[in-house]
Amino acid sequence: MTTLKAGDKAPNFSGLDQNGNPHTLADYKGKKLVVFFYPKASTPGCTAEACDLRDNFKKFEAQNYALLGVSADSAKAQTKFIEKYDLPFPLLADEDKSVINAFGVWGPKKFMGKEYDGIHRTTFIINENGIIEEVIEKVKTKEHAAQILG
C-alpha cells in the first residue's frame, strides 16, 4: 500500500500525542524509531499489538529504540487506550491524517465483504539518521516485537 521502502528518507512528520505534545521526526534524531500505524485504539488486533510492544518495551529501550503509535483516533481515545493497557509510549491522535497520509498508509480496505477507507496496519523502522530501514506490512499483532527486534 505505502510507496515508502527501505532506504528512503522518512517523511518529516509532525503530530500531537494524546497529551497534546508535538512529535516530529527531528525529535528522534540519534535514536531508532518504530512508528506503528494501527486502525483503531482498543480494538482486539490493535490491543494485542500494543500490549506485545509494551511487554517488550525494555528490550526496545536497551537497543536505543523509541516507539510511536499512530491512528486517526481522538486524543481522548488514545489516552483511554494508554490508561487501560498501561502503554509506556506516546500515541499520536492523527485526526487530520497528516502523518497517516505522509507515510501512505490510508486507503481502501475490505472487511466482512464491505469496502471502506482506513488505515493499513503498517510499521516503519527508522534509523538514527531518519532513513527507513524496514517497512513491515504483514504485522503479526501478537508477535510484533519479535518481528521488529529480529
N, C-alpha and C. Protein backbone atom coordinates (compact mmCIF):
# COMPACT_ATOMS: atom_id res chain seq x y z
N MET A 1 0.84 -1.20 0.00
CA MET A 1 0.00 0.00 0.00
C MET A 1 0.88 1.25 0.00
N THR A 2 1.79 1.36 0.97
CA THR A 2 2.67 2.52 1.01
C THR A 2 3.71 2.40 -0.10
N THR A 3 4.17 3.54 -0.59
CA THR A 3 5.22 3.50 -1.61
C THR A 3 6.59 3.66 -0.97
N LEU A 4 6.63 3.94 0.34
CA LEU A 4 7.90 4.07 1.04
C LEU A 4 8.54 2.70 1.19
N LYS A 5 9.87 2.68 1.08
CA LYS A 5 10.57 1.40 1.22
C LYS A 5 11.91 1.61 1.93
N ALA A 6 12.54 0.51 2.29
CA ALA A 6 13.85 0.57 2.96
C ALA A 6 14.80 1.40 2.11
N GLY A 7 15.54 2.29 2.77
CA GLY A 7 16.49 3.15 2.07
C GLY A 7 15.95 4.54 1.80
N ASP A 8 14.61 4.70 1.86
CA ASP A 8 14.00 6.02 1.66
C ASP A 8 14.17 6.87 2.91
N LYS A 9 14.21 8.18 2.71
CA LYS A 9 14.19 9.11 3.84
C LYS A 9 12.78 9.09 4.42
N ALA A 10 12.68 9.01 5.73
CA ALA A 10 11.36 9.01 6.38
C ALA A 10 10.69 10.37 6.19
N PRO A 11 9.37 10.39 6.06
CA PRO A 11 8.66 11.67 5.96
C PRO A 11 8.94 12.54 7.20
N ASN A 12 9.08 13.82 6.97
CA ASN A 12 9.33 14.75 8.08
C ASN A 12 7.99 15.07 8.73
N PHE A 13 7.47 14.13 9.50
CA PHE A 13 6.14 14.25 10.06
C PHE A 13 6.11 15.18 11.28
N SER A 14 4.90 15.61 11.58
CA SER A 14 4.66 16.39 12.79
C SER A 14 3.24 16.08 13.25
N GLY A 15 3.10 15.68 14.50
CA GLY A 15 1.77 15.35 15.02
C GLY A 15 1.72 15.53 16.52
N LEU A 16 0.52 15.54 17.06
CA LEU A 16 0.32 15.71 18.50
C LEU A 16 -0.08 14.38 19.14
N ASP A 17 0.50 14.11 20.32
CA ASP A 17 0.15 12.87 21.02
C ASP A 17 -1.09 13.06 21.89
N GLN A 18 -1.38 12.04 22.67
CA GLN A 18 -2.60 12.02 23.49
C GLN A 18 -2.65 13.19 24.47
N ASN A 19 -1.50 13.77 24.83
CA ASN A 19 -1.47 14.89 25.77
C ASN A 19 -1.32 16.24 25.08
N GLY A 20 -1.34 16.23 23.74
CA GLY A 20 -1.18 17.48 23.01
C GLY A 20 0.27 17.87 22.80
N ASN A 21 1.21 16.97 23.14
CA ASN A 21 2.64 17.25 22.94
C ASN A 21 3.02 16.97 21.49
N PRO A 22 3.80 17.87 20.87
CA PRO A 22 4.19 17.66 19.47
C PRO A 22 5.31 16.62 19.34
N HIS A 23 5.26 15.87 18.26
CA HIS A 23 6.32 14.91 17.92
C HIS A 23 6.67 15.13 16.45
N THR A 24 7.97 15.23 16.16
CA THR A 24 8.43 15.36 14.78
C THR A 24 9.55 14.36 14.56
N LEU A 25 9.86 14.11 13.31
CA LEU A 25 10.95 13.19 13.00
C LEU A 25 12.25 13.68 13.66
N ALA A 26 12.49 14.98 13.61
CA ALA A 26 13.73 15.56 14.15
C ALA A 26 13.90 15.27 15.65
N ASP A 27 12.79 15.13 16.37
CA ASP A 27 12.86 14.85 17.81
C ASP A 27 13.59 13.54 18.10
N TYR A 28 13.62 12.65 17.12
CA TYR A 28 14.16 11.30 17.34
C TYR A 28 15.53 11.09 16.73
N LYS A 29 16.16 12.16 16.26
CA LYS A 29 17.50 12.02 15.67
C LYS A 29 18.43 11.41 16.71
N GLY A 30 19.23 10.44 16.28
CA GLY A 30 20.14 9.77 17.21
C GLY A 30 19.53 8.55 17.88
N LYS A 31 18.24 8.33 17.66
CA LYS A 31 17.56 7.13 18.18
C LYS A 31 16.99 6.37 16.99
N LYS A 32 16.76 5.07 17.20
CA LYS A 32 15.99 4.32 16.21
C LYS A 32 14.53 4.53 16.57
N LEU A 33 13.70 4.70 15.57
CA LEU A 33 12.29 4.98 15.84
C LEU A 33 11.41 3.94 15.15
N VAL A 34 10.50 3.37 15.93
CA VAL A 34 9.49 2.47 15.40
C VAL A 34 8.18 3.27 15.36
N VAL A 35 7.67 3.51 14.15
CA VAL A 35 6.38 4.18 14.01
C VAL A 35 5.39 3.12 13.57
N PHE A 36 4.44 2.80 14.44
CA PHE A 36 3.46 1.77 14.08
C PHE A 36 2.08 2.39 13.92
N PHE A 37 1.49 2.14 12.75
CA PHE A 37 0.16 2.64 12.42
C PHE A 37 -0.84 1.52 12.68
N TYR A 38 -1.91 1.85 13.37
CA TYR A 38 -2.93 0.84 13.67
C TYR A 38 -4.31 1.43 13.40
N PRO A 39 -5.27 0.57 13.00
CA PRO A 39 -6.58 1.08 12.59
C PRO A 39 -7.39 1.78 13.67
N LYS A 40 -7.48 1.21 14.88
CA LYS A 40 -8.36 1.82 15.88
C LYS A 40 -7.97 1.41 17.29
N ALA A 41 -7.84 2.41 18.16
CA ALA A 41 -7.48 2.17 19.56
C ALA A 41 -8.49 1.24 20.23
N SER A 42 -7.97 0.37 21.09
CA SER A 42 -8.78 -0.51 21.94
C SER A 42 -9.58 -1.57 21.19
N THR A 43 -9.25 -1.83 19.92
CA THR A 43 -9.87 -2.96 19.22
C THR A 43 -8.95 -4.17 19.40
N PRO A 44 -9.45 -5.40 19.19
CA PRO A 44 -8.67 -6.59 19.55
C PRO A 44 -7.27 -6.67 18.94
N GLY A 45 -7.16 -6.51 17.62
CA GLY A 45 -5.84 -6.62 16.99
C GLY A 45 -4.89 -5.52 17.43
N CYS A 46 -5.40 -4.31 17.54
CA CYS A 46 -4.57 -3.17 17.93
C CYS A 46 -4.13 -3.31 19.38
N THR A 47 -5.02 -3.84 20.22
CA THR A 47 -4.68 -4.06 21.62
C THR A 47 -3.59 -5.13 21.74
N ALA A 48 -3.73 -6.23 21.00
CA ALA A 48 -2.72 -7.29 21.03
C ALA A 48 -1.36 -6.74 20.60
N GLU A 49 -1.36 -5.93 19.53
CA GLU A 49 -0.12 -5.36 19.02
C GLU A 49 0.52 -4.42 20.05
N ALA A 50 -0.27 -3.49 20.58
CA ALA A 50 0.25 -2.50 21.54
C ALA A 50 0.74 -3.18 22.82
N CYS A 51 0.03 -4.20 23.28
CA CYS A 51 0.43 -4.89 24.51
C CYS A 51 1.70 -5.71 24.30
N ASP A 52 1.87 -6.29 23.11
CA ASP A 52 3.10 -7.01 22.81
C ASP A 52 4.28 -6.03 22.81
N LEU A 53 4.11 -4.87 22.23
CA LEU A 53 5.17 -3.85 22.24
C LEU A 53 5.44 -3.37 23.67
N ARG A 54 4.36 -3.18 24.44
CA ARG A 54 4.52 -2.79 25.85
C ARG A 54 5.32 -3.83 26.63
N ASP A 55 4.98 -5.11 26.44
CA ASP A 55 5.63 -6.17 27.20
C ASP A 55 7.11 -6.31 26.85
N ASN A 56 7.50 -5.80 25.68
CA ASN A 56 8.89 -5.88 25.25
C ASN A 56 9.58 -4.51 25.26
N PHE A 57 8.95 -3.53 25.92
CA PHE A 57 9.43 -2.14 25.87
C PHE A 57 10.87 -2.00 26.37
N LYS A 58 11.22 -2.74 27.42
CA LYS A 58 12.58 -2.67 27.98
C LYS A 58 13.62 -3.12 26.94
N LYS A 59 13.27 -4.14 26.15
CA LYS A 59 14.18 -4.61 25.09
C LYS A 59 14.38 -3.51 24.05
N PHE A 60 13.31 -2.81 23.69
CA PHE A 60 13.42 -1.71 22.73
C PHE A 60 14.32 -0.62 23.28
N GLU A 61 14.09 -0.24 24.54
CA GLU A 61 14.89 0.81 25.16
C GLU A 61 16.37 0.42 25.21
N ALA A 62 16.62 -0.84 25.53
CA ALA A 62 18.00 -1.32 25.64
C ALA A 62 18.74 -1.23 24.30
N GLN A 63 17.98 -1.26 23.19
CA GLN A 63 18.60 -1.18 21.87
C GLN A 63 18.43 0.21 21.23
N ASN A 64 18.15 1.23 22.08
CA ASN A 64 18.07 2.63 21.63
C ASN A 64 16.90 2.91 20.69
N TYR A 65 15.79 2.17 20.89
CA TYR A 65 14.59 2.41 20.10
C TYR A 65 13.61 3.29 20.87
N ALA A 66 12.93 4.16 20.15
CA ALA A 66 11.75 4.86 20.66
C ALA A 66 10.56 4.31 19.89
N LEU A 67 9.41 4.26 20.53
CA LEU A 67 8.19 3.76 19.89
C LEU A 67 7.16 4.88 19.81
N LEU A 68 6.45 4.90 18.69
CA LEU A 68 5.42 5.91 18.49
C LEU A 68 4.27 5.27 17.73
N GLY A 69 3.10 5.21 18.37
CA GLY A 69 1.92 4.65 17.72
C GLY A 69 1.12 5.77 17.06
N VAL A 70 0.45 5.44 15.96
CA VAL A 70 -0.34 6.44 15.24
C VAL A 70 -1.65 5.83 14.75
N SER A 71 -2.75 6.54 15.04
CA SER A 71 -4.03 6.21 14.43
C SER A 71 -4.81 7.51 14.28
N ALA A 72 -5.97 7.42 13.65
CA ALA A 72 -6.79 8.61 13.43
C ALA A 72 -7.75 8.83 14.60
N ASP A 73 -7.52 8.15 15.71
CA ASP A 73 -8.38 8.31 16.88
C ASP A 73 -8.16 9.68 17.52
N SER A 74 -9.14 10.10 18.33
CA SER A 74 -9.03 11.36 19.06
C SER A 74 -8.01 11.20 20.20
N ALA A 75 -7.54 12.33 20.71
CA ALA A 75 -6.62 12.31 21.85
C ALA A 75 -7.27 11.60 23.04
N LYS A 76 -8.57 11.81 23.21
CA LYS A 76 -9.30 11.17 24.32
C LYS A 76 -9.27 9.64 24.19
N ALA A 77 -9.51 9.15 22.97
CA ALA A 77 -9.49 7.69 22.75
C ALA A 77 -8.08 7.14 22.97
N GLN A 78 -7.06 7.89 22.53
CA GLN A 78 -5.67 7.44 22.71
C GLN A 78 -5.32 7.40 24.20
N THR A 79 -5.76 8.41 24.94
CA THR A 79 -5.50 8.45 26.39
C THR A 79 -6.13 7.26 27.08
N LYS A 80 -7.38 6.94 26.72
CA LYS A 80 -8.07 5.77 27.31
C LYS A 80 -7.30 4.49 27.01
N PHE A 81 -6.83 4.37 25.76
CA PHE A 81 -6.08 3.18 25.32
C PHE A 81 -4.81 3.04 26.17
N ILE A 82 -4.09 4.13 26.36
CA ILE A 82 -2.85 4.12 27.16
C ILE A 82 -3.15 3.76 28.60
N GLU A 83 -4.19 4.39 29.17
CA GLU A 83 -4.50 4.15 30.58
C GLU A 83 -5.01 2.73 30.82
N LYS A 84 -5.84 2.24 29.92
CA LYS A 84 -6.42 0.91 30.10
C LYS A 84 -5.35 -0.18 30.04
N TYR A 85 -4.37 -0.01 29.14
CA TYR A 85 -3.36 -1.06 28.94
C TYR A 85 -1.97 -0.66 29.43
N ASP A 86 -1.87 0.46 30.14
CA ASP A 86 -0.61 0.89 30.73
C ASP A 86 0.52 0.95 29.69
N LEU A 87 0.23 1.61 28.56
CA LEU A 87 1.20 1.67 27.46
C LEU A 87 2.27 2.72 27.78
N PRO A 88 3.56 2.36 27.62
CA PRO A 88 4.65 3.26 28.02
C PRO A 88 5.16 4.18 26.90
N PHE A 89 4.44 4.24 25.79
CA PHE A 89 4.89 5.06 24.65
C PHE A 89 3.76 5.97 24.20
N PRO A 90 4.11 7.11 23.56
CA PRO A 90 3.08 8.04 23.12
C PRO A 90 2.31 7.52 21.91
N LEU A 91 1.06 7.98 21.79
CA LEU A 91 0.21 7.64 20.65
C LEU A 91 -0.24 8.95 20.01
N LEU A 92 0.05 9.11 18.72
CA LEU A 92 -0.39 10.32 18.02
C LEU A 92 -1.88 10.22 17.70
N ALA A 93 -2.58 11.30 17.98
CA ALA A 93 -4.01 11.41 17.64
C ALA A 93 -4.06 12.15 16.31
N ASP A 94 -3.92 11.40 15.22
CA ASP A 94 -3.76 11.99 13.88
C ASP A 94 -5.12 12.12 13.19
N GLU A 95 -5.99 12.92 13.80
CA GLU A 95 -7.36 13.03 13.29
C GLU A 95 -7.42 13.65 11.89
N ASP A 96 -6.47 14.53 11.56
CA ASP A 96 -6.47 15.12 10.21
C ASP A 96 -5.71 14.25 9.21
N LYS A 97 -5.17 13.12 9.71
CA LYS A 97 -4.47 12.13 8.88
C LYS A 97 -3.22 12.67 8.20
N SER A 98 -2.62 13.74 8.73
CA SER A 98 -1.43 14.30 8.08
C SER A 98 -0.24 13.33 8.16
N VAL A 99 -0.05 12.68 9.30
CA VAL A 99 1.05 11.71 9.45
C VAL A 99 0.71 10.43 8.68
N ILE A 100 -0.54 10.00 8.80
CA ILE A 100 -1.01 8.79 8.11
C ILE A 100 -0.80 8.93 6.60
N ASN A 101 -1.17 10.08 6.05
CA ASN A 101 -1.00 10.30 4.61
C ASN A 101 0.47 10.48 4.22
N ALA A 102 1.26 11.10 5.10
CA ALA A 102 2.69 11.28 4.80
C ALA A 102 3.37 9.92 4.61
N PHE A 103 2.93 8.92 5.38
CA PHE A 103 3.51 7.58 5.28
C PHE A 103 2.76 6.70 4.27
N GLY A 104 1.64 7.20 3.76
CA GLY A 104 0.90 6.48 2.72
C GLY A 104 0.21 5.22 3.17
N VAL A 105 -0.33 5.22 4.40
CA VAL A 105 -0.97 4.00 4.92
C VAL A 105 -2.49 4.08 4.97
N TRP A 106 -3.09 5.11 4.35
CA TRP A 106 -4.56 5.25 4.30
C TRP A 106 -5.03 4.80 2.93
N GLY A 107 -6.08 4.00 2.89
CA GLY A 107 -6.59 3.58 1.59
C GLY A 107 -7.70 2.58 1.71
N PRO A 108 -8.15 2.05 0.55
CA PRO A 108 -9.28 1.12 0.56
C PRO A 108 -8.95 -0.19 1.26
N LYS A 109 -9.90 -0.65 2.04
CA LYS A 109 -9.77 -1.91 2.78
C LYS A 109 -11.06 -2.69 2.62
N LYS A 110 -10.98 -3.98 2.89
CA LYS A 110 -12.18 -4.82 2.88
C LYS A 110 -12.30 -5.49 4.23
N PHE A 111 -13.52 -5.52 4.73
CA PHE A 111 -13.78 -6.21 5.98
C PHE A 111 -15.19 -6.77 5.91
N MET A 112 -15.30 -8.07 6.07
CA MET A 112 -16.59 -8.76 6.02
C MET A 112 -17.40 -8.37 4.78
N GLY A 113 -16.72 -8.33 3.64
CA GLY A 113 -17.40 -8.07 2.38
C GLY A 113 -17.66 -6.60 2.07
N LYS A 114 -17.39 -5.73 3.04
CA LYS A 114 -17.60 -4.30 2.81
C LYS A 114 -16.28 -3.64 2.48
N GLU A 115 -16.33 -2.67 1.56
CA GLU A 115 -15.12 -1.92 1.25
C GLU A 115 -15.24 -0.52 1.87
N TYR A 116 -14.16 -0.06 2.44
CA TYR A 116 -14.16 1.26 3.06
C TYR A 116 -12.71 1.76 3.09
N ASP A 117 -12.52 3.03 3.39
CA ASP A 117 -11.17 3.58 3.53
C ASP A 117 -10.76 3.52 4.99
N GLY A 118 -9.50 3.16 5.21
CA GLY A 118 -9.00 3.08 6.58
C GLY A 118 -7.49 2.96 6.59
N ILE A 119 -6.96 2.78 7.79
CA ILE A 119 -5.51 2.65 7.97
C ILE A 119 -5.10 1.20 7.72
N HIS A 120 -4.06 1.04 6.92
CA HIS A 120 -3.46 -0.28 6.74
C HIS A 120 -2.41 -0.44 7.84
N ARG A 121 -2.57 -1.49 8.65
CA ARG A 121 -1.65 -1.72 9.76
C ARG A 121 -0.24 -1.92 9.19
N THR A 122 0.62 -0.97 9.45
CA THR A 122 1.97 -0.97 8.89
C THR A 122 2.93 -0.38 9.91
N THR A 123 4.14 -0.92 9.97
CA THR A 123 5.16 -0.42 10.89
C THR A 123 6.40 -0.02 10.10
N PHE A 124 6.95 1.13 10.47
CA PHE A 124 8.17 1.64 9.84
C PHE A 124 9.27 1.68 10.89
N ILE A 125 10.43 1.13 10.53
CA ILE A 125 11.59 1.19 11.41
C ILE A 125 12.56 2.19 10.79
N ILE A 126 12.82 3.26 11.53
CA ILE A 126 13.61 4.38 11.01
C ILE A 126 14.91 4.45 11.81
N ASN A 127 16.03 4.59 11.11
CA ASN A 127 17.32 4.60 11.82
C ASN A 127 17.62 5.97 12.42
N GLU A 128 18.79 6.07 13.07
CA GLU A 128 19.18 7.27 13.79
C GLU A 128 19.29 8.51 12.90
N ASN A 129 19.44 8.29 11.59
CA ASN A 129 19.60 9.40 10.65
C ASN A 129 18.35 9.70 9.84
N GLY A 130 17.21 9.11 10.25
CA GLY A 130 15.95 9.41 9.58
C GLY A 130 15.72 8.63 8.30
N ILE A 131 16.46 7.54 8.11
CA ILE A 131 16.29 6.69 6.92
C ILE A 131 15.48 5.45 7.32
N ILE A 132 14.52 5.08 6.48
CA ILE A 132 13.71 3.89 6.75
C ILE A 132 14.57 2.65 6.54
N GLU A 133 14.65 1.83 7.58
CA GLU A 133 15.41 0.58 7.50
C GLU A 133 14.53 -0.57 7.06
N GLU A 134 13.26 -0.53 7.49
CA GLU A 134 12.35 -1.63 7.17
C GLU A 134 10.91 -1.15 7.20
N VAL A 135 10.10 -1.73 6.33
CA VAL A 135 8.66 -1.48 6.33
C VAL A 135 8.00 -2.85 6.54
N ILE A 136 7.24 -2.98 7.61
CA ILE A 136 6.55 -4.24 7.90
C ILE A 136 5.07 -4.06 7.58
N GLU A 137 4.63 -4.72 6.51
CA GLU A 137 3.23 -4.60 6.11
C GLU A 137 2.40 -5.78 6.58
N LYS A 138 3.04 -6.91 6.86
CA LYS A 138 2.32 -8.08 7.37
C LYS A 138 2.62 -8.17 8.87
N VAL A 139 1.96 -7.32 9.62
CA VAL A 139 2.18 -7.24 11.07
C VAL A 139 1.53 -8.43 11.76
N LYS A 140 2.33 -9.12 12.58
CA LYS A 140 1.78 -10.18 13.43
C LYS A 140 1.49 -9.52 14.78
N THR A 141 0.23 -9.26 15.05
CA THR A 141 -0.12 -8.44 16.21
C THR A 141 0.37 -9.02 17.54
N LYS A 142 0.37 -10.34 17.67
CA LYS A 142 0.77 -10.94 18.95
C LYS A 142 2.28 -11.15 19.06
N GLU A 143 3.00 -10.99 17.96
CA GLU A 143 4.46 -11.21 17.98
C GLU A 143 5.19 -10.07 17.27
N HIS A 144 4.66 -8.86 17.42
CA HIS A 144 5.20 -7.76 16.63
C HIS A 144 6.60 -7.33 17.10
N ALA A 145 6.84 -7.37 18.40
CA ALA A 145 8.17 -7.00 18.91
C ALA A 145 9.24 -7.91 18.31
N ALA A 146 8.95 -9.20 18.22
CA ALA A 146 9.91 -10.15 17.64
C ALA A 146 10.14 -9.84 16.16
N GLN A 147 9.10 -9.39 15.45
CA GLN A 147 9.27 -9.02 14.03
C GLN A 147 10.24 -7.85 13.91
N ILE A 148 10.14 -6.91 14.82
CA ILE A 148 10.96 -5.69 14.76
C ILE A 148 12.38 -5.97 15.24
N LEU A 149 12.50 -6.63 16.38
CA LEU A 149 13.81 -6.83 17.00
C LEU A 149 14.57 -8.01 16.40
N GLY A 150 13.85 -8.85 15.66
CA GLY A 150 14.50 -9.96 14.98
C GLY A 150 14.70 -11.16 15.81
